[in-house]
PDB file of N, CA and C in Angstrom:
ATOM      1  N   MET A   1       0.993  -1.245   0.228  1.00  0.00           N
ATOM      2  CA  MET A   1      -0.138   0.077  -0.031  1.00  0.00           C
ATOM      3  C   MET A   1       1.219   1.336   0.259  1.00  0.00           C
ATOM      4  N   SER A   2       0.551   1.739  -0.854  1.00  0.00           N
ATOM      5  CA  SER A   2       1.502   3.254  -0.894  1.00  0.00           C
ATOM      6  C   SER A   2       1.082   4.019   0.010  1.00  0.00           C
ATOM      7  N   ARG A   3       2.148   5.418   0.269  1.00  0.00           N
ATOM      8  CA  ARG A   3       1.876   6.624   1.585  1.00  0.00           C
ATOM      9  C   ARG A   3       0.435   7.112   1.340  1.00  0.00           C
ATOM     10  N   LYS A   4       0.346   7.460   0.467  1.00  0.00           N
ATOM     11  CA  LYS A   4      -0.626   8.007   0.050  1.00  0.00           C
ATOM     12  C   LYS A   4      -2.074   7.407   0.485  1.00  0.00           C
ATOM     13  N   ALA A   5      -2.275   6.450  -0.033  1.00  0.00           N
ATOM     14  CA  ALA A   5      -3.365   5.241   0.055  1.00  0.00           C
ATOM     15  C   ALA A   5      -3.280   5.008   1.724  1.00  0.00           C
ATOM     16  N   HIS A   6      -2.431   4.466   2.577  1.00  0.00           N
ATOM     17  CA  HIS A   6      -2.326   4.577   3.954  1.00  0.00           C
ATOM     18  C   HIS A   6      -2.949   5.722   4.333  1.00  0.00           C
ATOM     19  N   ARG A   7      -2.407   6.506   3.921  1.00  0.00           N
ATOM     20  CA  ARG A   7      -2.733   7.908   4.444  1.00  0.00           C
ATOM     21  C   ARG A   7      -4.358   8.121   4.617  1.00  0.00           C
ATOM     22  N   ASP A   8      -4.222   7.678   3.071  1.00  0.00           N
ATOM     23  CA  ASP A   8      -6.612   8.520   3.120  1.00  0.00           C
ATOM     24  C   ASP A   8      -6.997   7.283   4.011  1.00  0.00           C
ATOM     25  N   GLN A   9      -6.537   6.072   3.974  1.00  0.00           N
ATOM     26  CA  GLN A   9      -7.248   4.593   4.760  1.00  0.00           C
ATOM     27  C   GLN A   9      -7.502   5.007   5.755  1.00  0.00           C
ATOM     28  N   VAL A  10      -6.394   5.908   6.504  1.00  0.00           N
ATOM     29  CA  VAL A  10      -6.165   6.625   8.114  1.00  0.00           C
ATOM     30  C   VAL A  10      -7.178   7.185   7.916  1.00  0.00           C
ATOM     31  N   MET A  11      -7.142   8.110   7.671  1.00  0.00           N
ATOM     32  CA  MET A  11      -8.214   9.254   7.861  1.00  0.00           C
ATOM     33  C   MET A  11      -9.762   8.406   7.537  1.00  0.00           C
ATOM     34  N   ASN A  12      -9.861   8.033   6.627  1.00  0.00           N
ATOM     35  CA  ASN A  12     -11.049   6.888   6.694  1.00  0.00           C
ATOM     36  C   ASN A  12     -11.769   6.441   7.427  1.00  0.00           C
ATOM     37  N   ASP A  13     -10.738   5.848   8.055  1.00  0.00           N
ATOM     38  CA  ASP A  13     -11.105   4.793   9.298  1.00  0.00           C
ATOM     39  C   ASP A  13     -10.864   6.122  11.603  1.00  0.00           C
ATOM     40  N   ALA A  14     -10.363   7.271  10.895  1.00  0.00           N
ATOM     41  CA  ALA A  14     -10.838   8.138  11.497  1.00  0.00           C
ATOM     42  C   ALA A  14     -11.871   8.820  11.764  1.00  0.00           C
ATOM     43  N   TRP A  15     -12.816   9.028  10.940  1.00  0.00           N
ATOM     44  CA  TRP A  15     -13.629   9.772  10.407  1.00  0.00           C
ATOM     45  C   TRP A  15     -14.778   8.974  11.291  1.00  0.00           C
ATOM     46  N   ILE A  16     -14.930   7.870  11.064  1.00  0.00           N
ATOM     47  CA  ILE A  16     -15.257   6.855  11.310  1.00  0.00           C
ATOM     48  C   ILE A  16     -15.267   6.686  13.790  1.00  0.00           C
ATOM     49  N   GLY A  17     -13.968   7.099  13.847  1.00  0.00           N
ATOM     50  CA  GLY A  17     -14.232   6.117  15.044  1.00  0.00           C
ATOM     51  C   GLY A  17     -14.117   7.727  16.021  1.00  0.00           C
ATOM     52  N   ASP A  18     -13.855   8.660  14.932  1.00  0.00           N
ATOM     53  CA  ASP A  18     -14.365  10.036  15.721  1.00  0.00           C
ATOM     54  C   ASP A  18     -15.751  10.003  16.596  1.00  0.00           C
ATOM     55  N   ALA A  19     -16.666  10.009  14.866  1.00  0.00           N
ATOM     56  CA  ALA A  19     -18.326   9.881  15.493  1.00  0.00           C
ATOM     57  C   ALA A  19     -19.058   8.978  16.684  1.00  0.00           C
ATOM     58  N   VAL A  20     -17.548   7.800  16.777  1.00  0.00           N
ATOM     59  CA  VAL A  20     -17.804   6.899  17.738  1.00  0.00           C
ATOM     60  C   VAL A  20     -17.566   7.200  18.417  1.00  0.00           C
ATOM     61  N   LEU A  21     -16.198   7.684  19.179  1.00  0.00           N
ATOM     62  CA  LEU A  21     -15.899   8.600  20.263  1.00  0.00           C
ATOM     63  C   LEU A  21     -16.694   9.672  20.778  1.00  0.00           C
ATOM     64  N   GLU A  22     -17.651  10.891  19.719  1.00  0.00           N
ATOM     65  CA  GLU A  22     -17.996  11.187  19.681  1.00  0.00           C
ATOM     66  C   GLU A  22     -19.749  11.103  20.395  1.00  0.00           C
ATOM     67  N   LEU A  23     -19.736   9.919  20.562  1.00  0.00           N
ATOM     68  CA  LEU A  23     -21.385   9.174  20.448  1.00  0.00           C
ATOM     69  C   LEU A  23     -20.635   8.727  21.978  1.00  0.00           C
ATOM     70  N   TYR A  24     -19.893   7.870  22.355  1.00  0.00           N
ATOM     71  CA  TYR A  24     -19.270   7.490  23.719  1.00  0.00           C
ATOM     72  C   TYR A  24     -19.347   8.843  24.710  1.00  0.00           C
ATOM     73  N   VAL A  25     -18.357   9.842  24.207  1.00  0.00           N
ATOM     74  CA  VAL A  25     -18.248  10.814  25.350  1.00  0.00           C
ATOM     75  C   VAL A  25     -19.497  11.452  25.279  1.00  0.00           C
ATOM     76  N   ARG A  26     -20.617  11.548  25.058  1.00  0.00           N
ATOM     77  CA  ARG A  26     -21.440  12.362  24.665  1.00  0.00           C
ATOM     78  C   ARG A  26     -22.805  11.077  26.029  1.00  0.00           C
ATOM     79  N   LEU A  27     -22.788  10.259  25.289  1.00  0.00           N
ATOM     80  CA  LEU A  27     -23.390   8.961  25.963  1.00  0.00           C
ATOM     81  C   LEU A  27     -23.060   9.411  27.742  1.00  0.00           C
ATOM     82  N   LYS A  28     -21.400   8.873  28.033  1.00  0.00           N
ATOM     83  CA  LYS A  28     -21.078   9.060  29.274  1.00  0.00           C
ATOM     84  C   LYS A  28     -21.473  10.365  30.292  1.00  0.00           C
ATOM     85  N   ILE A  29     -20.898  11.216  29.595  1.00  0.00           N
ATOM     86  CA  ILE A  29     -21.397  12.340  30.255  1.00  0.00           C
ATOM     87  C   ILE A  29     -22.610  12.537  30.686  1.00  0.00           C
ATOM     88  N   LEU A  30     -24.020  12.245  30.093  1.00  0.00           N
ATOM     89  CA  LEU A  30     -25.016  11.945  29.944  1.00  0.00           C
ATOM     90  C   LEU A  30     -25.081  10.990  31.176  1.00  0.00           C
ATOM     91  N   ARG A  31     -24.761  10.094  31.401  1.00  0.00           N
ATOM     92  CA  ARG A  31     -25.378   8.717  31.680  1.00  0.00           C
ATOM     93  C   ARG A  31     -24.463   9.408  33.533  1.00  0.00           C
ATOM     94  N   GLU A  32     -23.304   9.732  33.419  1.00  0.00           N
ATOM     95  CA  GLU A  32     -22.697  10.617  34.980  1.00  0.00           C
ATOM     96  C   GLU A  32     -22.967  11.647  35.550  1.00  0.00           C
ATOM     97  N   ASP A  33     -23.564  12.487  34.922  1.00  0.00           N
ATOM     98  CA  ASP A  33     -23.580  13.612  34.864  1.00  0.00           C
ATOM     99  C   ASP A  33     -25.256  14.544  34.786  1.00  0.00           C
ATOM    100  N   SER A  34     -25.695  13.269  34.033  1.00  0.00           N
ATOM    101  CA  SER A  34     -27.251  13.797  33.539  1.00  0.00           C
ATOM    102  C   SER A  34     -27.323  14.787  33.029  1.00  0.00           C
ATOM    103  N   ALA A  35     -26.309  15.910  32.570  1.00  0.00           N
ATOM    104  CA  ALA A  35     -26.214  17.269  31.933  1.00  0.00           C
ATOM    105  C   ALA A  35     -25.498  17.234  30.838  1.00  0.00           C
ATOM    106  N   ILE A  36     -25.439  18.126  29.473  1.00  0.00           N
ATOM    107  CA  ILE A  36     -24.914  18.823  28.744  1.00  0.00           C
ATOM    108  C   ILE A  36     -23.871  19.127  29.084  1.00  0.00           C
ATOM    109  N   ASP A  37     -22.628  18.744  28.874  1.00  0.00           N
ATOM    110  CA  ASP A  37     -21.002  19.305  28.983  1.00  0.00           C
ATOM    111  C   ASP A  37     -20.440  19.438  28.409  1.00  0.00           C
ATOM    112  N   GLY A  38     -20.866  20.552  27.264  1.00  0.00           N
ATOM    113  CA  GLY A  38     -19.986  20.527  26.120  1.00  0.00           C
ATOM    114  C   GLY A  38     -18.079  20.605  26.433  1.00  0.00           C
ATOM    115  N   ALA A  39     -17.811  21.637  27.373  1.00  0.00           N
ATOM    116  CA  ALA A  39     -16.637  21.710  28.062  1.00  0.00           C
ATOM    117  C   ALA A  39     -16.015  20.248  28.109  1.00  0.00           C
ATOM    118  N   LYS A  40     -16.656  19.533  29.114  1.00  0.00           N
ATOM    119  CA  LYS A  40     -16.402  18.228  28.954  1.00  0.00           C
ATOM    120  C   LYS A  40     -15.601  17.273  27.726  1.00  0.00           C
ATOM    121  N   ALA A  41     -16.749  17.173  27.098  1.00  0.00           N
ATOM    122  CA  ALA A  41     -16.989  16.349  25.953  1.00  0.00           C
ATOM    123  C   ALA A  41     -15.712  16.679  25.298  1.00  0.00           C
ATOM    124  N   GLN A  42     -15.114  18.379  25.075  1.00  0.00           N
ATOM    125  CA  GLN A  42     -13.936  18.714  24.730  1.00  0.00           C
ATOM    126  C   GLN A  42     -12.892  18.472  24.893  1.00  0.00           C
ATOM    127  N   ARG A  43     -12.678  18.077  26.040  1.00  0.00           N
ATOM    128  CA  ARG A  43     -11.621  17.616  27.389  1.00  0.00           C
ATOM    129  C   ARG A  43     -11.265  16.026  26.835  1.00  0.00           C
ATOM    130  N   MET A  44     -12.806  15.210  26.531  1.00  0.00           N
ATOM    131  CA  MET A  44     -12.638  13.917  26.614  1.00  0.00           C
ATOM    132  C   MET A  44     -12.468  14.051  24.642  1.00  0.00           C
ATOM    133  N   SER A  45     -12.445  14.497  24.151  1.00  0.00           N
ATOM    134  CA  SER A  45     -12.325  14.119  22.818  1.00  0.00           C
ATOM    135  C   SER A  45     -11.616  15.131  21.950  1.00  0.00           C
ATOM    136  N   SER A  46     -10.607  15.776  22.470  1.00  0.00           N
ATOM    137  CA  SER A  46      -9.387  17.082  21.929  1.00  0.00           C
ATOM    138  C   SER A  46      -8.663  16.158  21.194  1.00  0.00           C
ATOM    139  N   ASN A  47      -8.126  16.669  20.123  1.00  0.00           N
ATOM    140  CA  ASN A  47      -6.717  16.167  19.486  1.00  0.00           C
ATOM    141  C   ASN A  47      -5.546  16.375  20.826  1.00  0.00           C
ATOM    142  N   GLN A  48      -5.614  16.702  21.865  1.00  0.00           N
ATOM    143  CA  GLN A  48      -4.973  17.195  22.685  1.00  0.00           C
ATOM    144  C   GLN A  48      -4.893  16.432  23.488  1.00  0.00           C
ATOM    145  N   PHE A  49      -6.317  15.872  23.894  1.00  0.00           N
ATOM    146  CA  PHE A  49      -6.436  14.451  24.715  1.00  0.00           C
ATOM    147  C   PHE A  49      -5.628  13.268  24.173  1.00  0.00           C
ATOM    148  N   LEU A  50      -6.264  12.939  23.189  1.00  0.00           N
ATOM    149  CA  LEU A  50      -6.466  12.256  21.916  1.00  0.00           C
ATOM    150  C   LEU A  50      -4.489  11.632  22.209  1.00  0.00           C
ATOM    151  N   SER A  51      -3.916  12.729  21.915  1.00  0.00           N
ATOM    152  CA  SER A  51      -2.306  12.685  21.785  1.00  0.00           C
ATOM    153  C   SER A  51      -1.041  11.848  22.823  1.00  0.00           C
ATOM    154  N   VAL A  52      -2.215  11.572  23.423  1.00  0.00           N
ATOM    155  CA  VAL A  52      -1.875  10.828  24.863  1.00  0.00           C
ATOM    156  C   VAL A  52      -1.419   9.599  24.615  1.00  0.00           C
ATOM    157  N   LEU A  53      -2.340   9.029  23.313  1.00  0.00           N
ATOM    158  CA  LEU A  53      -1.618   7.261  22.857  1.00  0.00           C
ATOM    159  C   LEU A  53      -0.748   7.422  21.269  1.00  0.00           C
ATOM    160  N   GLY A  54      -0.932   8.717  20.911  1.00  0.00           N
ATOM    161  CA  GLY A  54       0.295   8.994  19.991  1.00  0.00           C
ATOM    162  C   GLY A  54      -0.310  10.423  18.633  1.00  0.00           C
ATOM    163  N   GLU A  55      -0.099   9.746  17.435  1.00  0.00           N
ATOM    164  CA  GLU A  55      -1.420  11.138  16.194  1.00  0.00           C
ATOM    165  C   GLU A  55      -2.556  10.807  16.788  1.00  0.00           C
ATOM    166  N   PRO A  56      -3.699  11.829  16.821  1.00  0.00           N
ATOM    167  CA  PRO A  56      -4.708  11.553  17.268  1.00  0.00           C
ATOM    168  C   PRO A  56      -5.826  10.958  15.695  1.00  0.00           C
ATOM    169  N   SER A  57      -5.598  11.034  14.627  1.00  0.00           N
ATOM    170  CA  SER A  57      -5.691  10.509  13.606  1.00  0.00           C
ATOM    171  C   SER A  57      -5.688   9.075  13.902  1.00  0.00           C
ATOM    172  N   GLU A  58      -4.632   8.389  14.129  1.00  0.00           N
ATOM    173  CA  GLU A  58      -4.123   7.079  14.673  1.00  0.00           C
ATOM    174  C   GLU A  58      -5.005   6.736  15.492  1.00  0.00           C
ATOM    175  N   THR A  59      -5.609   6.858  16.679  1.00  0.00           N
ATOM    176  CA  THR A  59      -5.943   6.939  17.419  1.00  0.00           C
ATOM    177  C   THR A  59      -7.569   6.487  17.307  1.00  0.00           C
ATOM    178  N   GLU A  60      -7.678   7.467  16.781  1.00  0.00           N
ATOM    179  CA  GLU A  60      -9.297   7.768  16.291  1.00  0.00           C
ATOM    180  C   GLU A  60      -9.356   6.665  14.970  1.00  0.00           C
ATOM    181  N   ALA A  61      -8.625   6.729  14.036  1.00  0.00           N
ATOM    182  CA  ALA A  61      -8.249   5.384  13.023  1.00  0.00           C
ATOM    183  C   ALA A  61      -8.863   4.013  13.987  1.00  0.00           C
ATOM    184  N   ALA A  62      -7.498   3.611  14.551  1.00  0.00           N
ATOM    185  CA  ALA A  62      -8.004   2.294  15.649  1.00  0.00           C
ATOM    186  C   ALA A  62      -9.066   2.579  16.526  1.00  0.00           C
ATOM    187  N   ILE A  63      -9.884   3.409  16.727  1.00  0.00           N
ATOM    188  CA  ILE A  63     -11.652   3.432  17.508  1.00  0.00           C
ATOM    189  C   ILE A  63     -12.227   2.469  15.443  1.00  0.00           C
ATOM    190  N   GLY A  64     -12.422   3.594  15.118  1.00  0.00           N
ATOM    191  CA  GLY A  64     -12.822   3.019  13.869  1.00  0.00           C
ATOM    192  C   GLY A  64     -12.489   1.886  13.143  1.00  0.00           C
ATOM    193  N   ARG A  65     -11.168   1.434  12.962  1.00  0.00           N
ATOM    194  CA  ARG A  65     -11.189  -0.152  13.013  1.00  0.00           C
ATOM    195  C   ARG A  65     -12.308  -1.127  13.707  1.00  0.00           C
ATOM    196  N   VAL A  66     -12.031  -0.440  15.216  1.00  0.00           N
ATOM    197  CA  VAL A  66     -12.715  -1.827  16.209  1.00  0.00           C
ATOM    198  C   VAL A  66     -14.300  -1.718  16.339  1.00  0.00           C
ATOM    199  N   TYR A  67     -14.797  -0.758  15.530  1.00  0.00           N
ATOM    200  CA  TYR A  67     -15.577  -0.597  15.316  1.00  0.00           C
ATOM    201  C   TYR A  67     -16.132  -1.456  13.915  1.00  0.00           C
ATOM    202  N   LEU A  68     -15.654  -1.124  12.839  1.00  0.00           N
ATOM    203  CA  LEU A  68     -16.129  -1.584  11.739  1.00  0.00           C
ATOM    204  C   LEU A  68     -16.037  -2.806  11.922  1.00  0.00           C
ATOM    205  N   ARG A  69     -15.008  -3.835  12.666  1.00  0.00           N
ATOM    206  CA  ARG A  69     -14.690  -4.581  13.148  1.00  0.00           C
ATOM    207  C   ARG A  69     -15.349  -5.863  14.090  1.00  0.00           C
ATOM    208  N   ASP A  70     -15.494  -5.017  14.737  1.00  0.00           N
ATOM    209  CA  ASP A  70     -16.280  -6.192  15.956  1.00  0.00           C
ATOM    210  C   ASP A  70     -17.689  -4.701  16.564  1.00  0.00           C
ATOM    211  N   GLY A  71     -18.032  -3.745  16.191  1.00  0.00           N
ATOM    212  CA  GLY A  71     -18.694  -3.160  16.631  1.00  0.00           C
ATOM    213  C   GLY A  71     -18.823  -2.262  17.910  1.00  0.00           C
ATOM    214  N   LEU A  72     -20.249  -1.612  18.037  1.00  0.00           N
ATOM    215  CA  LEU A  72     -19.787  -0.237  18.974  1.00  0.00           C
ATOM    216  C   LEU A  72     -19.738  -0.573  20.506  1.00  0.00           C
ATOM    217  N   ASP A  73     -20.189  -2.112  20.200  1.00  0.00           N
ATOM    218  CA  ASP A  73     -20.460  -2.387  22.129  1.00  0.00           C
ATOM    219  C   ASP A  73     -18.074  -2.553  21.897  1.00  0.00           C
ATOM    220  N   ALA A  74     -17.810  -3.309  21.522  1.00  0.00           N
ATOM    221  CA  ALA A  74     -16.370  -3.261  21.144  1.00  0.00           C
ATOM    222  C   ALA A  74     -15.336  -2.172  21.215  1.00  0.00           C
ATOM    223  N   ALA A  75     -16.011  -0.808  20.242  1.00  0.00           N
ATOM    224  CA  ALA A  75     -15.832  -0.333  20.497  1.00  0.00           C
ATOM    225  C   ALA A  75     -15.917   1.010  21.857  1.00  0.00           C
ATOM    226  N   PHE A  76     -16.374   0.571  22.266  1.00  0.00           N
ATOM    227  CA  PHE A  76     -17.067   1.469  23.610  1.00  0.00           C
ATOM    228  C   PHE A  76     -16.126   0.706  24.764  1.00  0.00           C
ATOM    229  N   ARG A  77     -15.535  -0.385  23.917  1.00  0.00           N
ATOM    230  CA  ARG A  77     -15.204  -1.397  25.566  1.00  0.00           C
ATOM    231  C   ARG A  77     -13.178  -0.674  25.435  1.00  0.00           C
ATOM    232  N   TRP A  78     -13.045  -0.762  24.162  1.00  0.00           N
ATOM    233  CA  TRP A  78     -11.483   0.085  23.650  1.00  0.00           C
ATOM    234  C   TRP A  78     -11.487   1.378  24.195  1.00  0.00           C
ATOM    235  N   ILE A  79     -12.435   2.142  24.120  1.00  0.00           N
ATOM    236  CA  ILE A  79     -12.121   3.589  24.478  1.00  0.00           C
ATOM    237  C   ILE A  79     -12.204   3.810  26.100  1.00  0.00           C
ATOM    238  N   GLU A  80     -12.936   3.091  26.659  1.00  0.00           N
ATOM    239  CA  GLU A  80     -13.098   2.877  28.111  1.00  0.00           C
ATOM    240  C   GLU A  80     -11.834   2.494  28.556  1.00  0.00           C
ATOM    241  N   HIS A  81     -11.356   1.336  27.344  1.00  0.00           N
ATOM    242  CA  HIS A  81     -10.115   0.881  28.812  1.00  0.00           C
ATOM    243  C   HIS A  81      -8.090   1.451  28.289  1.00  0.00           C
ATOM    244  N   ARG A  82      -8.949   1.434  26.764  1.00  0.00           N
ATOM    245  CA  ARG A  82      -7.725   2.569  27.057  1.00  0.00           C
ATOM    246  C   ARG A  82      -7.415   4.052  26.794  1.00  0.00           C
ATOM    247  N   LEU A  83      -8.381   4.897  26.498  1.00  0.00           N
ATOM    248  CA  LEU A  83      -8.195   6.328  26.868  1.00  0.00           C
ATOM    249  C   LEU A  83      -8.990   7.209  28.222  1.00  0.00           C
ATOM    250  N   MET A  84     -10.490   6.441  28.684  1.00  0.00           N
ATOM    251  CA  MET A  84     -10.794   6.327  29.792  1.00  0.00           C
ATOM    252  C   MET A  84      -9.734   6.918  31.091  1.00  0.00           C
ATOM    253  N   PRO A  85      -8.574   5.853  31.579  1.00  0.00           N
ATOM    254  CA  PRO A  85      -7.523   5.965  32.343  1.00  0.00           C
ATOM    255  C   PRO A  85      -7.241   7.550  32.368  1.00  0.00           C
ATOM    256  N   HIS A  86      -6.556   7.430  31.048  1.00  0.00           N
ATOM    257  CA  HIS A  86      -5.672   8.491  30.772  1.00  0.00           C
ATOM    258  C   HIS A  86      -6.069   9.700  31.279  1.00  0.00           C
ATOM    259  N   TYR A  87      -8.100  10.287  31.168  1.00  0.00           N
ATOM    260  CA  TYR A  87      -9.034  11.029  31.181  1.00  0.00           C
ATOM    261  C   TYR A  87      -8.866  11.207  32.458  1.00  0.00           C
ATOM    262  N   ASP A  88      -9.205  10.025  33.049  1.00  0.00           N
ATOM    263  CA  ASP A  88      -9.860  10.121  34.437  1.00  0.00           C
ATOM    264  C   ASP A  88      -8.000  10.989  35.068  1.00  0.00           C
ATOM    265  N   ARG A  89      -7.093  10.800  34.744  1.00  0.00           N
ATOM    266  CA  ARG A  89      -5.877  10.642  35.426  1.00  0.00           C
ATOM    267  C   ARG A  89      -5.601  12.506  34.943  1.00  0.00           C
ATOM    268  N   GLN A  90      -5.940  12.914  34.621  1.00  0.00           N
ATOM    269  CA  GLN A  90      -5.970  14.391  33.785  1.00  0.00           C
ATOM    270  C   GLN A  90      -7.378  15.580  34.296  1.00  0.00           C
ATOM    271  N   GLU A  91      -8.366  14.948  34.957  1.00  0.00           N
ATOM    272  CA  GLU A  91      -9.420  15.482  34.864  1.00  0.00           C
ATOM    273  C   GLU A  91      -8.246  15.447  36.826  1.00  0.00           C
ATOM    274  N   ALA A  92      -7.949  14.558  37.273  1.00  0.00           N
ATOM    275  CA  ALA A  92      -7.934  14.817  38.422  1.00  0.00           C
ATOM    276  C   ALA A  92      -6.662  15.712  39.173  1.00  0.00           C
ATOM    277  N   VAL A  93      -5.945  16.230  38.014  1.00  0.00           N
ATOM    278  CA  VAL A  93      -4.795  16.950  38.151  1.00  0.00           C
ATOM    279  C   VAL A  93      -5.582  18.325  37.762  1.00  0.00           C
ATOM    280  N   ARG A  94      -6.261  18.720  36.654  1.00  0.00           N
ATOM    281  CA  ARG A  94      -6.946  19.371  36.474  1.00  0.00           C
ATOM    282  C   ARG A  94      -8.192  19.720  38.481  1.00  0.00           C
ATOM    283  N   GLN A  95      -8.578  19.191  38.100  1.00  0.00           N
ATOM    284  CA  GLN A  95      -9.534  19.168  40.015  1.00  0.00           C
ATOM    285  C   GLN A  95      -8.704  19.979  40.864  1.00  0.00           C
ATOM    286  N   ARG A  96      -7.389  19.189  40.823  1.00  0.00           N
ATOM    287  CA  ARG A  96      -6.282  19.260  42.177  1.00  0.00           C
ATOM    288  C   ARG A  96      -5.664  21.076  41.618  1.00  0.00           C
ATOM    289  N   ALA A  97      -5.730  20.966  40.856  1.00  0.00           N
ATOM    290  CA  ALA A  97      -4.921  22.230  40.251  1.00  0.00           C
ATOM    291  C   ALA A  97      -6.690  23.777  40.581  1.00  0.00           C
ATOM    292  N   ILE A  98      -7.096  23.506  40.222  1.00  0.00           N
ATOM    293  CA  ILE A  98      -8.897  24.473  40.968  1.00  0.00           C
ATOM    294  C   ILE A  98      -8.975  24.485  41.961  1.00  0.00           C
ATOM    295  N   THR A  99      -9.144  23.178  42.768  1.00  0.00           N
ATOM    296  CA  THR A  99      -8.662  23.695  44.404  1.00  0.00           C
ATOM    297  C   THR A  99      -8.019  24.579  44.663  1.00  0.00           C
ATOM    298  N   THR A 100      -6.257  24.361  44.258  1.00  0.00           N
ATOM    299  CA  THR A 100      -4.788  24.600  44.768  1.00  0.00           C
ATOM    300  C   THR A 100      -5.526  26.310  44.348  1.00  0.00           C
ATOM    301  N   HIS A 101      -6.287  26.921  43.797  1.00  0.00           N
ATOM    302  CA  HIS A 101      -6.159  28.052  42.554  1.00  0.00           C
ATOM    303  C   HIS A 101      -7.652  28.803  43.456  1.00  0.00           C
ATOM    304  N   ARG A 102      -8.627  28.145  44.130  1.00  0.00           N
ATOM    305  CA  ARG A 102      -9.586  28.798  44.637  1.00  0.00           C
ATOM    306  C   ARG A 102      -9.118  29.512  46.249  1.00  0.00           C
ATOM    307  N   TYR A 103      -7.706  29.125  46.610  1.00  0.00           N
ATOM    308  CA  TYR A 103      -7.655  29.292  47.934  1.00  0.00           C
ATOM    309  C   TYR A 103      -5.901  30.240  48.103  1.00  0.00           C
TER     310      TYR A 103
END
C-alpha cells in the first residue's frame, strides 16, 4: 500500500472513529452527570487529549477499525480501557489545580 493510500485509509477510519468517540463521550457525560457539558466533551475528545496515545488521527482510526470489525460495544470497551484511564488522571490533575487556585 502506498503512503498516500495508507494515509487515506487512516483518515477514513478516523472519520468513523471520531463519530464513535463523540457518541461514547456524550453518552458517558449524560449517564454520569445527567447534563450536557460541552467543555467536558471537548476535553474527552480533543486532539490534545487523544495525543496521549500517539497521533490523534491514528487513535481515532484505531477506534474506527474496532467499530467496523467488532461493533459499537467493542469500540466503546476499547475507549473505556485505552483512553478513559488517561482522561481520569488528567481530570484529577485539573481538579487539584482548580482547588489549589481557589485558596
